[in-house]
Amino acid sequence: MTDAGIWNIWPVTIAVLVALGLFWAFWRVWPTPLGRASQWVERHRGGLKSKRTVAGGIEWHDLEGGCGEPLVLLHGFNGDAHHFARAARHLKGHFRIIAPDLPGFGETASAVAISHRIEDIAQRLLDWLDDQQIDTFYLGGNSMGGYIATAMAQIAPERVRALWLLAPGGVRSAPLSPVLQEVSEDRHNPLVVRNHDDFVRLLDYCFVHRPWMPTPLLRMLGERAAKTCQQSLHIFDAMLNDSPALETLAEGLQTPALIVWGQNDQVLDVAGGAIISALMPNAELMIMPNIGHLPMLEAPKASAEAWLAFAEQTARQTHKTAETP
């Protein structure tokens, strides 16, 4: 090869090395751009778009999409609205999906300190829905989100058509799960993330078969959770010590409810499902085998189909009752 040929190769080689270096930097060192791109893909596949509003002193961020009657979906502790993006692929043709980031999580932020008692957050959500001119709606929630959803139905039962509770939190009479056992023994709370390793460990607690997640998204979410570690501790304390038990909120609640629990849940013991369903006259309990704490992520199609069947059954019964003289 001539000297001229060698010199012609160098620019290409340098360009390839620079591109590889930038890719490595985005993949491992600065994951946010690729992490956000991954979230955009999930939103797009679920037919959801990002929306921002200001109400009650809170800058709300939520995901919306689909068509039909409103279905409000609430994520759990240390999660965000994207937890429902995969299930949304199967729901968007049947419901108008509204999935907010709850205060203190995701991209929803408050300019002032607010109470994180479950009933107070429930009231704030009802006020926010008023601001969005959404009167009656179906309502679902996972873990902390299910806890809040039950409080919303207890505060305003006339507004909630039916509940979809996925391993709801706050069941005080259930046996301690492996995660809550660590909390009770004053060891590190696995739900409060301090670093990347904590986040990966939390994911292992949440799933039996962990869904694939791109490394940049994994790192971005871990870094975000670590930055809000102290705030998360405050929210967890308000939920655990300042809020009523889910048993109190659920007892006698007439709202039709589908309660879904993963049989292998390590975050909240599966026995909580039977406890809550026994307190709610119009509840059905579904235990999903070989599934962990986040059924809508680990088994999105099966979870969505179970809810669609239940919602259709509820709508038929409501219509039949309305026609009865």
C-alpha atoms as a PDB file:
ATOM      1  CA  MET A   1       0.000   0.000   0.000  1.00  0.00           C
ATOM      2  CA  THR A   2       1.324   3.449  -0.890  1.00  0.00           C
ATOM      3  CA  ASP A   3       1.872   6.217   1.631  1.00  0.00           C
ATOM      4  CA  ALA A   4      -1.074   8.066   0.072  1.00  0.00           C
ATOM      5  CA  GLY A   5      -3.343   5.028   0.624  1.00  0.00           C
ATOM      6  CA  ILE A   6      -2.332   4.792   4.283  1.00  0.00           C
ATOM      7  CA  TRP A   7      -3.086   8.464   4.837  1.00  0.00           C
ATOM      8  CA  ASN A   8      -6.510   8.037   3.204  1.00  0.00           C
ATOM      9  CA  ILE A   9      -7.395   5.256   5.671  1.00  0.00           C
ATOM     10  CA  TRP A  10      -6.511   7.270   8.782  1.00  0.00           C
ATOM     11  CA  PRO A  11      -9.499   9.679   8.669  1.00  0.00           C
ATOM     12  CA  VAL A  12     -11.907   6.750   8.381  1.00  0.00           C
ATOM     13  CA  THR A  13     -10.201   4.899  11.237  1.00  0.00           C
ATOM     14  CA  ILE A  14     -10.247   7.984  13.443  1.00  0.00           C
ATOM     15  CA  ALA A  15     -13.938   8.588  12.663  1.00  0.00           C
ATOM     16  CA  VAL A  16     -14.805   4.986  13.565  1.00  0.00           C
ATOM     17  CA  LEU A  17     -12.839   5.200  16.830  1.00  0.00           C
ATOM     18  CA  VAL A  18     -14.505   8.498  17.755  1.00  0.00           C
ATOM     19  CA  ALA A  19     -17.945   7.034  17.000  1.00  0.00           C
ATOM     20  CA  LEU A  20     -17.196   3.967  19.123  1.00  0.00           C
ATOM     21  CA  GLY A  21     -15.917   6.195  21.932  1.00  0.00           C
ATOM     22  CA  LEU A  22     -19.056   8.327  21.849  1.00  0.00           C
ATOM     23  CA  PHE A  23     -21.271   5.242  21.789  1.00  0.00           C
ATOM     24  CA  TRP A  24     -19.432   3.817  24.811  1.00  0.00           C
ATOM     25  CA  ALA A  25     -19.764   7.155  26.623  1.00  0.00           C
ATOM     26  CA  PHE A  26     -23.513   7.320  25.976  1.00  0.00           C
ATOM     27  CA  TRP A  27     -23.973   3.627  26.810  1.00  0.00           C
ATOM     28  CA  ARG A  28     -22.010   3.540  30.065  1.00  0.00           C
ATOM     29  CA  VAL A  29     -20.987   7.013  31.258  1.00  0.00           C
ATOM     30  CA  TRP A  30     -23.752   9.400  30.168  1.00  0.00           C
ATOM     31  CA  PRO A  31     -26.810   7.165  29.748  1.00  0.00           C
ATOM     32  CA  THR A  32     -29.577   9.771  29.854  1.00  0.00           C
ATOM     33  CA  PRO A  33     -29.971  10.465  26.090  1.00  0.00           C
ATOM     34  CA  LEU A  34     -30.197   6.776  25.166  1.00  0.00           C
ATOM     35  CA  GLY A  35     -32.282   6.068  28.278  1.00  0.00           C
ATOM     36  CA  ARG A  36     -34.814   8.710  27.275  1.00  0.00           C
ATOM     37  CA  ALA A  37     -34.805   7.353  23.737  1.00  0.00           C
ATOM     38  CA  SER A  38     -35.693   3.914  25.151  1.00  0.00           C
ATOM     39  CA  GLN A  39     -38.582   5.433  27.073  1.00  0.00           C
ATOM     40  CA  TRP A  40     -39.795   7.201  23.934  1.00  0.00           C
ATOM     41  CA  VAL A  41     -39.855   3.860  22.107  1.00  0.00           C
ATOM     42  CA  GLU A  42     -41.897   2.280  24.931  1.00  0.00           C
ATOM     43  CA  ARG A  43     -44.332   5.225  24.915  1.00  0.00           C
ATOM     44  CA  HIS A  44     -44.679   5.114  21.155  1.00  0.00           C
ATOM     45  CA  ARG A  45     -45.379   1.387  21.102  1.00  0.00           C
ATOM     46  CA  GLY A  46     -48.015   1.887  23.791  1.00  0.00           C
ATOM     47  CA  GLY A  47     -49.647   4.731  21.863  1.00  0.00           C
ATOM     48  CA  LEU A  48     -48.819   7.184  24.647  1.00  0.00           C
ATOM     49  CA  LYS A  49     -47.614  10.778  24.550  1.00  0.00           C
ATOM     50  CA  SER A  50     -45.981  12.866  27.243  1.00  0.00           C
ATOM     51  CA  LYS A  51     -48.040  15.735  28.671  1.00  0.00           C
ATOM     52  CA  ARG A  52     -47.331  18.435  31.263  1.00  0.00           C
ATOM     53  CA  THR A  53     -49.794  20.498  33.288  1.00  0.00           C
ATOM     54  CA  VAL A  54     -49.654  22.691  36.389  1.00  0.00           C
ATOM     55  CA  ALA A  55     -52.333  22.311  39.050  1.00  0.00           C
ATOM     56  CA  GLY A  56     -52.459  22.744  42.824  1.00  0.00           C
ATOM     57  CA  GLY A  57     -48.862  23.976  42.960  1.00  0.00           C
ATOM     58  CA  ILE A  58     -47.599  20.779  41.316  1.00  0.00           C
ATOM     59  CA  GLU A  59     -46.015  20.453  37.884  1.00  0.00           C
ATOM     60  CA  TRP A  60     -47.629  17.230  36.702  1.00  0.00           C
ATOM     61  CA  HIS A  61     -46.175  14.947  34.069  1.00  0.00           C
ATOM     62  CA  ASP A  62     -48.301  12.156  32.666  1.00  0.00           C
ATOM     63  CA  LEU A  63     -48.587   9.812  29.714  1.00  0.00           C
ATOM     64  CA  GLU A  64     -51.818   9.782  27.732  1.00  0.00           C
ATOM     65  CA  GLY A  65     -53.161   7.895  24.750  1.00  0.00           C
ATOM     66  CA  GLY A  66     -55.761   5.513  23.431  1.00  0.00           C
ATOM     67  CA  CYS A  67     -59.482   6.044  23.076  1.00  0.00           C
ATOM     68  CA  GLY A  68     -62.590   5.234  25.063  1.00  0.00           C
ATOM     69  CA  GLU A  69     -63.529   5.838  28.665  1.00  0.00           C
ATOM     70  CA  PRO A  70     -60.777   7.194  30.937  1.00  0.00           C
ATOM     71  CA  LEU A  71     -58.533   4.663  32.685  1.00  0.00           C
ATOM     72  CA  VAL A  72     -56.251   6.304  35.255  1.00  0.00           C
ATOM     73  CA  LEU A  73     -53.171   4.208  36.078  1.00  0.00           C
ATOM     74  CA  LEU A  74     -50.933   4.822  39.108  1.00  0.00           C
ATOM     75  CA  HIS A  75     -47.418   3.423  39.423  1.00  0.00           C
ATOM     76  CA  GLY A  76     -45.728   2.163  42.559  1.00  0.00           C
ATOM     77  CA  PHE A  77     -42.940   3.407  44.832  1.00  0.00           C
ATOM     78  CA  ASN A  78     -39.780   4.444  42.926  1.00  0.00           C
ATOM     79  CA  GLY A  79     -41.594   3.894  39.620  1.00  0.00           C
ATOM     80  CA  ASP A  80     -43.092   6.205  37.036  1.00  0.00           C
ATOM     81  CA  ALA A  81     -45.859   6.267  34.441  1.00  0.00           C
ATOM     82  CA  HIS A  82     -43.777   4.188  32.007  1.00  0.00           C
ATOM     83  CA  HIS A  83     -44.516   1.139  34.181  1.00  0.00           C
ATOM     84  CA  PHE A  84     -47.813   0.898  32.264  1.00  0.00           C
ATOM     85  CA  ALA A  85     -46.430   1.527  28.762  1.00  0.00           C
ATOM     86  CA  ARG A  86     -46.199  -2.170  27.851  1.00  0.00           C
ATOM     87  CA  ALA A  87     -49.697  -2.973  29.087  1.00  0.00           C
ATOM     88  CA  ALA A  88     -50.930   0.105  27.201  1.00  0.00           C
ATOM     89  CA  ARG A  89     -50.258  -1.703  23.904  1.00  0.00           C
ATOM     90  CA  HIS A  90     -53.159  -4.002  24.767  1.00  0.00           C
ATOM     91  CA  LEU A  91     -55.376  -1.358  26.402  1.00  0.00           C
ATOM     92  CA  LYS A  92     -55.155   1.622  24.052  1.00  0.00           C
ATOM     93  CA  GLY A  93     -57.911   0.372  21.750  1.00  0.00           C
ATOM     94  CA  HIS A  94     -60.366   0.150  24.643  1.00  0.00           C
ATOM     95  CA  PHE A  95     -59.572   3.019  27.037  1.00  0.00           C
ATOM     96  CA  ARG A  96     -58.241   6.547  27.104  1.00  0.00           C
ATOM     97  CA  ILE A  97     -55.170   5.945  29.264  1.00  0.00           C
ATOM     98  CA  ILE A  98     -54.010   8.598  31.726  1.00  0.00           C
ATOM     99  CA  ALA A  99     -50.898   7.594  33.673  1.00  0.00           C
ATOM    100  CA  PRO A 100     -49.345  10.327  35.855  1.00  0.00           C
ATOM    101  CA  ASP A 101     -45.965  10.376  37.516  1.00  0.00           C
ATOM    102  CA  LEU A 102     -46.939  10.599  41.181  1.00  0.00           C
ATOM    103  CA  PRO A 103     -45.590  13.540  43.232  1.00  0.00           C
ATOM    104  CA  GLY A 104     -41.967  12.884  44.181  1.00  0.00           C
ATOM    105  CA  PHE A 105     -41.375  10.405  41.356  1.00  0.00           C
ATOM    106  CA  GLY A 106     -40.606  10.562  37.662  1.00  0.00           C
ATOM    107  CA  GLU A 107     -40.934  14.071  36.269  1.00  0.00           C
ATOM    108  CA  THR A 108     -43.745  15.362  38.497  1.00  0.00           C
ATOM    109  CA  ALA A 109     -42.442  17.993  40.893  1.00  0.00           C
ATOM    110  CA  SER A 110     -43.855  20.290  43.563  1.00  0.00           C
ATOM    111  CA  ALA A 111     -42.608  23.823  44.167  1.00  0.00           C
ATOM    112  CA  VAL A 112     -43.363  23.456  47.890  1.00  0.00           C
ATOM    113  CA  ALA A 113     -43.234  20.625  50.411  1.00  0.00           C
ATOM    114  CA  ILE A 114     -46.428  18.548  50.405  1.00  0.00           C
ATOM    115  CA  SER A 115     -47.867  15.791  52.551  1.00  0.00           C
ATOM    116  CA  HIS A 116     -47.286  12.296  51.207  1.00  0.00           C
ATOM    117  CA  ARG A 117     -49.914  10.619  53.352  1.00  0.00           C
ATOM    118  CA  ILE A 118     -51.818   8.241  51.106  1.00  0.00           C
ATOM    119  CA  GLU A 119     -55.151  10.027  51.574  1.00  0.00           C
ATOM    120  CA  ASP A 120     -53.572  13.431  50.862  1.00  0.00           C
ATOM    121  CA  ILE A 121     -52.007  12.250  47.603  1.00  0.00           C
ATOM    122  CA  ALA A 122     -55.330  10.617  46.686  1.00  0.00           C
ATOM    123  CA  GLN A 123     -57.121  13.960  47.154  1.00  0.00           C
ATOM    124  CA  ARG A 124     -54.477  15.779  45.106  1.00  0.00           C
ATOM    125  CA  LEU A 125     -55.008  13.319  42.264  1.00  0.00           C
ATOM    126  CA  LEU A 126     -58.770  13.808  42.407  1.00  0.00           C
ATOM    127  CA  ASP A 127     -58.239  17.573  42.288  1.00  0.00           C
ATOM    128  CA  TRP A 128     -55.867  17.174  39.326  1.00  0.00           C
ATOM    129  CA  LEU A 129     -58.438  15.055  37.485  1.00  0.00           C
ATOM    130  CA  ASP A 130     -61.010  17.787  38.167  1.00  0.00           C
ATOM    131  CA  ASP A 131     -58.615  20.221  36.540  1.00  0.00           C
ATOM    132  CA  GLN A 132     -58.401  17.888  33.532  1.00  0.00           C
ATOM    133  CA  GLN A 133     -62.238  17.811  33.437  1.00  0.00           C
ATOM    134  CA  ILE A 134     -62.320  14.067  34.070  1.00  0.00           C
ATOM    135  CA  ASP A 135     -65.295  13.245  36.275  1.00  0.00           C
ATOM    136  CA  THR A 136     -65.830   9.468  36.280  1.00  0.00           C
ATOM    137  CA  PHE A 137     -63.136   6.976  35.368  1.00  0.00           C
ATOM    138  CA  TYR A 138     -61.774   3.485  35.750  1.00  0.00           C
ATOM    139  CA  LEU A 139     -58.798   3.378  38.103  1.00  0.00           C
ATOM    140  CA  GLY A 140     -55.805   1.079  38.390  1.00  0.00           C
ATOM    141  CA  GLY A 141     -52.682   1.048  40.499  1.00  0.00           C
ATOM    142  CA  ASN A 142     -49.684  -1.083  41.372  1.00  0.00           C
ATOM    143  CA  SER A 143     -48.188  -1.324  44.874  1.00  0.00           C
ATOM    144  CA  MET A 144     -48.224   2.224  46.312  1.00  0.00           C
ATOM    145  CA  GLY A 145     -50.383   3.214  43.335  1.00  0.00           C
ATOM    146  CA  GLY A 146     -52.951   0.570  44.294  1.00  0.00           C
ATOM    147  CA  TYR A 147     -52.914   1.879  47.862  1.00  0.00           C
ATOM    148  CA  ILE A 148     -53.619   5.411  46.573  1.00  0.00           C
ATOM    149  CA  ALA A 149     -56.261   4.158  44.121  1.00  0.00           C
ATOM    150  CA  THR A 150     -58.192   2.494  46.951  1.00  0.00           C
ATOM    151  CA  ALA A 151     -58.056   5.739  48.952  1.00  0.00           C
ATOM    152  CA  MET A 152     -59.406   7.643  45.933  1.00  0.00           C
ATOM    153  CA  ALA A 153     -62.321   5.201  45.646  1.00  0.00           C
ATOM    154  CA  GLN A 154     -62.980   5.546  49.372  1.00  0.00           C
ATOM    155  CA  ILE A 155     -62.988   9.367  49.159  1.00  0.00           C
ATOM    156  CA  ALA A 156     -65.030   9.626  45.955  1.00  0.00           C
ATOM    157  CA  PRO A 157     -66.766   6.277  45.264  1.00  0.00           C
ATOM    158  CA  GLU A 158     -69.234   7.901  42.874  1.00  0.00           C
ATOM    159  CA  ARG A 159     -66.367   8.780  40.503  1.00  0.00           C
ATOM    160  CA  VAL A 160     -64.579   5.412  40.267  1.00  0.00           C
ATOM    161  CA  ARG A 161     -66.303   2.907  37.990  1.00  0.00           C
ATOM    162  CA  ALA A 162     -64.032  -0.015  38.866  1.00  0.00           C
ATOM    163  CA  LEU A 163     -60.649  -0.691  40.428  1.00  0.00           C
ATOM    164  CA  TRP A 164     -57.698  -2.642  39.032  1.00  0.00           C
ATOM    165  CA  LEU A 165     -55.398  -3.298  41.992  1.00  0.00           C
ATOM    166  CA  LEU A 166     -52.055  -4.904  41.150  1.00  0.00           C
ATOM    167  CA  ALA A 167     -50.389  -6.040  44.396  1.00  0.00           C
ATOM    168  CA  PRO A 168     -51.604  -2.949  46.297  1.00  0.00           C
ATOM    169  CA  GLY A 169     -49.515  -1.721  49.215  1.00  0.00           C
ATOM    170  CA  GLY A 170     -50.561  -0.994  52.774  1.00  0.00           C
ATOM    171  CA  VAL A 171     -51.882  -4.421  53.850  1.00  0.00           C
ATOM    172  CA  ARG A 172     -50.698  -4.416  57.475  1.00  0.00           C
ATOM    173  CA  SER A 173     -52.084  -7.822  58.500  1.00  0.00           C
ATOM    174  CA  ALA A 174     -50.294  -9.790  55.750  1.00  0.00           C
ATOM    175  CA  PRO A 175     -47.117 -11.775  56.515  1.00  0.00           C
ATOM    176  CA  LEU A 176     -43.908  -9.843  55.966  1.00  0.00           C
ATOM    177  CA  SER A 177     -42.381 -10.277  52.532  1.00  0.00           C
ATOM    178  CA  PRO A 178     -38.581 -10.669  52.156  1.00  0.00           C
ATOM    179  CA  VAL A 179     -38.331  -6.933  51.419  1.00  0.00           C
ATOM    180  CA  LEU A 180     -40.471  -5.830  54.371  1.00  0.00           C
ATOM    181  CA  GLN A 181     -38.643  -8.293  56.616  1.00  0.00           C
ATOM    182  CA  GLU A 182     -35.442  -6.341  55.921  1.00  0.00           C
ATOM    183  CA  VAL A 183     -37.259  -3.089  56.715  1.00  0.00           C
ATOM    184  CA  SER A 184     -38.647  -4.475  59.995  1.00  0.00           C
ATOM    185  CA  GLU A 185     -35.178  -5.566  61.112  1.00  0.00           C
ATOM    186  CA  ASP A 186     -33.797  -2.048  60.496  1.00  0.00           C
ATOM    187  CA  ARG A 187     -31.545  -3.258  57.738  1.00  0.00           C
ATOM    188  CA  HIS A 188     -31.238  -1.230  54.539  1.00  0.00           C
ATOM    189  CA  ASN A 189     -34.642  -0.652  52.952  1.00  0.00           C
ATOM    190  CA  PRO A 190     -34.364  -2.318  49.502  1.00  0.00           C
ATOM    191  CA  LEU A 191     -37.048   0.023  48.164  1.00  0.00           C
ATOM    192  CA  VAL A 192     -34.830   3.079  48.784  1.00  0.00           C
ATOM    193  CA  VAL A 193     -32.110   3.207  46.146  1.00  0.00           C
ATOM    194  CA  ARG A 194     -28.719   4.723  46.974  1.00  0.00           C
ATOM    195  CA  ASN A 195     -26.706   3.603  43.938  1.00  0.00           C
ATOM    196  CA  HIS A 196     -26.765   1.466  40.799  1.00  0.00           C
ATOM    197  CA  ASP A 197     -26.210  -1.791  42.696  1.00  0.00           C
ATOM    198  CA  ASP A 198     -29.220  -1.045  44.926  1.00  0.00           C
ATOM    199  CA  PHE A 199     -31.366  -0.486  41.850  1.00  0.00           C
ATOM    200  CA  VAL A 200     -30.344  -3.782  40.262  1.00  0.00           C
ATOM    201  CA  ARG A 201     -30.986  -5.578  43.552  1.00  0.00           C
ATOM    202  CA  LEU A 202     -34.456  -4.010  43.738  1.00  0.00           C
ATOM    203  CA  LEU A 203     -35.243  -5.246  40.233  1.00  0.00           C
ATOM    204  CA  ASP A 204     -34.258  -8.759  41.291  1.00  0.00           C
ATOM    205  CA  TYR A 205     -36.770  -8.518  44.136  1.00  0.00           C
ATOM    206  CA  CYS A 206     -39.507  -7.274  41.784  1.00  0.00           C
ATOM    207  CA  PHE A 207     -39.395  -9.915  39.063  1.00  0.00           C
ATOM    208  CA  VAL A 208     -39.268 -13.663  38.599  1.00  0.00           C
ATOM    209  CA  HIS A 209     -38.165 -13.202  34.989  1.00  0.00           C
ATOM    210  CA  ARG A 210     -36.834  -9.683  34.646  1.00  0.00           C
ATOM    211  CA  PRO A 211     -37.873  -8.064  31.341  1.00  0.00           C
ATOM    212  CA  TRP A 212     -34.981  -6.940  29.191  1.00  0.00           C
ATOM    213  CA  MET A 213     -33.974  -3.339  29.802  1.00  0.00           C
ATOM    214  CA  PRO A 214     -31.307  -1.457  27.791  1.00  0.00           C
ATOM    215  CA  THR A 215     -28.235  -0.668  29.890  1.00  0.00           C
ATOM    216  CA  PRO A 216     -28.560   3.139  29.407  1.00  0.00           C
ATOM    217  CA  LEU A 217     -32.161   3.049  30.669  1.00  0.00           C
ATOM    218  CA  LEU A 218     -31.147   0.858  33.602  1.00  0.00           C
ATOM    219  CA  ARG A 219     -28.396   3.298  34.560  1.00  0.00           C
ATOM    220  CA  MET A 220     -30.548   6.389  34.009  1.00  0.00           C
ATOM    221  CA  LEU A 221     -33.327   5.088  36.265  1.00  0.00           C
ATOM    222  CA  GLY A 222     -30.833   3.974  38.912  1.00  0.00           C
ATOM    223  CA  GLU A 223     -29.156   7.391  38.945  1.00  0.00           C
ATOM    224  CA  ARG A 224     -32.527   9.161  39.144  1.00  0.00           C
ATOM    225  CA  ALA A 225     -33.637   7.041  42.092  1.00  0.00           C
ATOM    226  CA  ALA A 226     -30.321   7.584  43.902  1.00  0.00           C
ATOM    227  CA  LYS A 227     -30.619  11.376  43.558  1.00  0.00           C
ATOM    228  CA  THR A 228     -33.995  11.338  45.323  1.00  0.00           C
ATOM    229  CA  CYS A 229     -32.975   8.860  48.028  1.00  0.00           C
ATOM    230  CA  GLN A 230     -33.754  11.161  50.964  1.00  0.00           C
ATOM    231  CA  GLN A 231     -37.082  12.244  49.522  1.00  0.00           C
ATOM    232  CA  SER A 232     -37.975   8.573  48.955  1.00  0.00           C
ATOM    233  CA  LEU A 233     -37.259   7.837  52.619  1.00  0.00           C
ATOM    234  CA  HIS A 234     -39.623  10.645  53.614  1.00  0.00           C
ATOM    235  CA  ILE A 235     -42.369   9.344  51.305  1.00  0.00           C
ATOM    236  CA  PHE A 236     -41.926   5.771  52.529  1.00  0.00           C
ATOM    237  CA  ASP A 237     -42.158   6.936  56.143  1.00  0.00           C
ATOM    238  CA  ALA A 238     -45.389   8.860  55.422  1.00  0.00           C
ATOM    239  CA  MET A 239     -46.857   5.804  53.718  1.00  0.00           C
ATOM    240  CA  LEU A 240     -45.834   3.369  56.452  1.00  0.00           C
ATOM    241  CA  ASN A 241     -46.366   5.418  59.605  1.00  0.00           C
ATOM    242  CA  ASP A 242     -48.796   8.257  58.810  1.00  0.00           C
ATOM    243  CA  SER A 243     -51.310   6.557  56.514  1.00  0.00           C
ATOM    244  CA  PRO A 244     -54.247   4.266  57.341  1.00  0.00           C
ATOM    245  CA  ALA A 245     -53.920   0.562  56.600  1.00  0.00           C
ATOM    246  CA  LEU A 246     -55.299  -0.610  53.285  1.00  0.00           C
ATOM    247  CA  GLU A 247     -57.655  -2.836  55.279  1.00  0.00           C
ATOM    248  CA  THR A 248     -59.271   0.326  56.712  1.00  0.00           C
ATOM    249  CA  LEU A 249     -59.649   1.949  53.284  1.00  0.00           C
ATOM    250  CA  ALA A 250     -60.952  -1.207  51.606  1.00  0.00           C
ATOM    251  CA  GLU A 251     -63.383  -2.512  54.213  1.00  0.00           C
ATOM    252  CA  GLY A 252     -66.923  -2.445  52.853  1.00  0.00           C
ATOM    253  CA  LEU A 253     -65.903  -0.561  49.704  1.00  0.00           C
ATOM    254  CA  GLN A 254     -68.585  -1.347  47.116  1.00  0.00           C
ATOM    255  CA  THR A 255     -66.538  -0.420  44.038  1.00  0.00           C
ATOM    256  CA  PRO A 256     -66.057  -3.421  41.718  1.00  0.00           C
ATOM    257  CA  ALA A 257     -62.397  -4.446  41.932  1.00  0.00           C
ATOM    258  CA  LEU A 258     -60.061  -6.866  40.204  1.00  0.00           C
ATOM    259  CA  ILE A 259     -57.175  -7.661  42.550  1.00  0.00           C
ATOM    260  CA  VAL A 260     -54.150  -9.161  40.787  1.00  0.00           C
ATOM    261  CA  TRP A 261     -51.130 -10.555  42.621  1.00  0.00           C
ATOM    262  CA  GLY A 262     -48.017 -12.367  41.465  1.00  0.00           C
ATOM    263  CA  GLN A 263     -47.664 -15.661  43.306  1.00  0.00           C
ATOM    264  CA  ASN A 264     -43.913 -15.102  43.715  1.00  0.00           C
ATOM    265  CA  ASP A 265     -44.083 -11.493  44.914  1.00  0.00           C
ATOM    266  CA  GLN A 266     -41.096 -10.748  47.197  1.00  0.00           C
ATOM    267  CA  VAL A 267     -42.033  -7.108  47.811  1.00  0.00           C
ATOM    268  CA  LEU A 268     -45.572  -7.589  49.176  1.00  0.00           C
ATOM    269  CA  ASP A 269     -46.730 -11.010  50.330  1.00  0.00           C
ATOM    270  CA  VAL A 270     -49.315 -12.633  48.073  1.00  0.00           C
ATOM    271  CA  ALA A 271     -51.521 -13.363  51.121  1.00  0.00           C
ATOM    272  CA  GLY A 272     -52.518  -9.688  50.988  1.00  0.00           C
ATOM    273  CA  GLY A 273     -54.743 -10.476  48.025  1.00  0.00           C
ATOM    274  CA  ALA A 274     -57.042 -12.775  49.971  1.00  0.00           C
ATOM    275  CA  ILE A 275     -57.125 -10.362  52.916  1.00  0.00           C
ATOM    276  CA  ILE A 276     -58.268  -7.404  50.794  1.00  0.00           C
ATOM    277  CA  SER A 277     -60.649  -9.313  48.546  1.00  0.00           C
ATOM    278  CA  ALA A 278     -62.456 -10.613  51.656  1.00  0.00           C
ATOM    279  CA  LEU A 279     -63.088  -7.014  52.763  1.00  0.00           C
ATOM    280  CA  MET A 280     -64.489  -5.767  49.441  1.00  0.00           C
ATOM    281  CA  PRO A 281     -67.954  -7.150  48.564  1.00  0.00           C
ATOM    282  CA  ASN A 282     -67.496  -6.789  44.785  1.00  0.00           C
ATOM    283  CA  ALA A 283     -63.867  -7.865  44.452  1.00  0.00           C
ATOM    284  CA  GLU A 284     -62.371 -10.694  42.427  1.00  0.00           C
ATOM    285  CA  LEU A 285     -58.911 -12.084  43.160  1.00  0.00           C
ATOM    286  CA  MET A 286     -56.526 -13.344  40.489  1.00  0.00           C
ATOM    287  CA  ILE A 287     -53.191 -14.944  41.455  1.00  0.00           C
ATOM    288  CA  MET A 288     -50.696 -15.107  38.592  1.00  0.00           C
ATOM    289  CA  PRO A 289     -48.282 -18.069  38.877  1.00  0.00           C
ATOM    290  CA  ASN A 290     -44.545 -17.541  38.386  1.00  0.00           C
ATOM    291  CA  ILE A 291     -44.953 -13.732  38.446  1.00  0.00           C
ATOM    292  CA  GLY A 292     -43.432 -11.167  40.808  1.00  0.00           C
ATOM    293  CA  HIS A 293     -44.436  -7.736  42.069  1.00  0.00           C
ATOM    294  CA  LEU A 294     -45.021  -5.967  38.735  1.00  0.00           C
ATOM    295  CA  PRO A 295     -47.468  -8.079  36.703  1.00  0.00           C
ATOM    296  CA  MET A 296     -48.133  -5.298  34.166  1.00  0.00           C
ATOM    297  CA  LEU A 297     -44.414  -5.316  33.279  1.00  0.00           C
ATOM    298  CA  GLU A 298     -43.615  -9.005  33.628  1.00  0.00           C
ATOM    299  CA  ALA A 299     -46.835 -10.244  31.952  1.00  0.00           C
ATOM    300  CA  PRO A 300     -48.335  -7.158  30.259  1.00  0.00           C
ATOM    301  CA  LYS A 301     -50.623  -8.976  27.823  1.00  0.00           C
ATOM    302  CA  ALA A 302     -52.077 -11.396  30.385  1.00  0.00           C
ATOM    303  CA  SER A 303     -52.549  -8.586  32.927  1.00  0.00           C
ATOM    304  CA  ALA A 304     -54.262  -6.325  30.387  1.00  0.00           C
ATOM    305  CA  GLU A 305     -56.525  -9.083  29.085  1.00  0.00           C
ATOM    306  CA  ALA A 306     -57.642  -9.969  32.611  1.00  0.00           C
ATOM    307  CA  TRP A 307     -58.537  -6.327  33.237  1.00  0.00           C
ATOM    308  CA  LEU A 308     -60.365  -5.959  29.909  1.00  0.00           C
ATOM    309  CA  ALA A 309     -62.499  -9.015  30.674  1.00  0.00           C
ATOM    310  CA  PHE A 310     -63.296  -7.725  34.160  1.00  0.00           C
ATOM    311  CA  ALA A 311     -64.091  -4.192  32.952  1.00  0.00           C
ATOM    312  CA  GLU A 312     -66.400  -5.534  30.242  1.00  0.00           C
ATOM    313  CA  GLN A 313     -68.182  -7.732  32.777  1.00  0.00           C
ATOM    314  CA  THR A 314     -68.553  -4.777  35.151  1.00  0.00           C
ATOM    315  CA  ALA A 315     -69.908  -2.538  32.394  1.00  0.00           C
ATOM    316  CA  ARG A 316     -72.499  -5.166  31.424  1.00  0.00           C
ATOM    317  CA  GLN A 317     -73.633  -5.568  35.020  1.00  0.00           C
ATOM    318  CA  THR A 318     -73.884  -1.791  35.485  1.00  0.00           C
ATOM    319  CA  HIS A 319     -75.929  -1.464  32.305  1.00  0.00           C
ATOM    320  CA  LYS A 320     -78.220  -4.316  33.331  1.00  0.00           C
ATOM    321  CA  THR A 321     -78.763  -2.763  36.761  1.00  0.00           C
ATOM    322  CA  ALA A 322     -79.558   0.618  35.188  1.00  0.00           C
ATOM    323  CA  GLU A 323     -82.221  -1.009  32.967  1.00  0.00           C
ATOM    324  CA  THR A 324     -83.896  -2.849  35.837  1.00  0.00           C
ATOM    325  CA  PRO A 325     -87.128  -0.985  36.782  1.00  0.00           C
END
